Amino acid sequence: MESNIEVGDWVRVRSDGSSPAAKKYAGKQGQATMVGPGFDGTIVDVQIAGNYFDTVFEEKDLSTTER
């Protein structure tokens, strides 16, 4: 399974994301802390600025960005 997002990449949550987490955090930025296989595709743990925990997203809900 190949991912376009790697650990350490800065990502933005897409506003057209379909998961509940994507809807809640649309437009927010963070850093990928883990990338791994999920049931329907790649999942990415993201440390969103201001949160003290990682949030799990589907890769399709994210786009890479510059810090």
Protein backbone atom coordinates (compact mmCIF):
# COMPACT_ATOMS: atom_id res chain seq x y z
CA MET A 1 0.00 0.00 0.00
CA GLU A 2 1.57 3.26 -1.13
CA SER A 3 0.64 6.58 0.42
CA ASN A 4 1.21 10.12 -0.83
CA ILE A 5 1.46 11.31 2.77
CA GLU A 6 4.44 10.40 4.92
CA VAL A 7 5.11 10.75 8.64
CA GLY A 8 6.23 14.32 9.33
CA ASP A 9 4.33 15.87 6.39
CA TRP A 10 2.19 18.91 7.07
CA VAL A 11 -1.39 18.37 5.94
CA ARG A 12 -4.64 20.31 5.69
CA VAL A 13 -8.04 18.70 6.28
CA ARG A 14 -10.06 19.04 3.08
CA SER A 15 -13.38 20.85 3.33
CA ASP A 16 -15.00 18.23 1.07
CA GLY A 17 -13.92 15.30 3.27
CA SER A 18 -16.53 12.66 4.01
CA SER A 19 -15.51 11.27 7.40
CA PRO A 20 -16.90 12.72 10.65
CA ALA A 21 -13.39 13.85 11.67
CA ALA A 22 -12.93 15.64 8.34
CA LYS A 23 -16.21 17.49 8.77
CA LYS A 24 -15.27 18.57 12.30
CA TYR A 25 -11.73 19.73 11.44
CA ALA A 26 -12.24 21.02 7.86
CA GLY A 27 -9.60 23.61 6.97
CA LYS A 28 -7.36 22.84 9.96
CA GLN A 29 -3.68 22.03 9.55
CA GLY A 30 -1.49 19.55 11.36
CA GLN A 31 1.42 17.16 11.09
CA ALA A 32 1.15 13.48 10.18
CA THR A 33 2.41 11.30 13.04
CA MET A 34 1.49 7.85 11.69
CA VAL A 35 0.47 6.41 8.32
CA GLY A 36 -0.93 2.90 8.00
CA PRO A 37 -3.41 0.59 6.33
CA GLY A 38 -7.11 0.88 7.10
CA PHE A 39 -10.15 -1.14 6.00
CA ASP A 40 -10.93 0.95 2.90
CA GLY A 41 -7.58 2.68 2.32
CA THR A 42 -4.76 4.45 4.10
CA ILE A 43 -5.35 6.13 7.46
CA VAL A 44 -3.28 8.97 8.85
CA ASP A 45 -2.91 10.12 12.45
CA VAL A 46 -2.58 13.91 12.55
CA GLN A 47 -1.54 16.20 15.38
CA ILE A 48 -3.84 19.20 14.83
CA ALA A 49 -2.50 22.49 16.21
CA GLY A 50 -4.08 23.18 19.60
CA ASN A 51 -5.06 19.56 20.30
CA TYR A 52 -3.17 17.39 22.79
CA PHE A 53 -4.09 14.19 20.94
CA ASP A 54 -3.82 12.76 17.43
CA THR A 55 -6.89 12.61 15.21
CA VAL A 56 -7.31 9.76 12.71
CA PHE A 57 -8.28 10.66 9.14
CA GLU A 58 -8.67 8.79 5.88
CA GLU A 59 -5.91 9.83 3.49
CA LYS A 60 -8.51 11.05 0.96
CA ASP A 61 -9.66 13.63 3.56
CA LEU A 62 -6.23 15.30 3.59
CA SER A 63 -3.97 17.28 1.27
CA THR A 64 -0.30 18.02 1.83
CA THR A 65 0.69 21.60 2.54
CA GLU A 66 3.74 23.64 3.40
CA ARG A 67 4.11 24.71 7.00
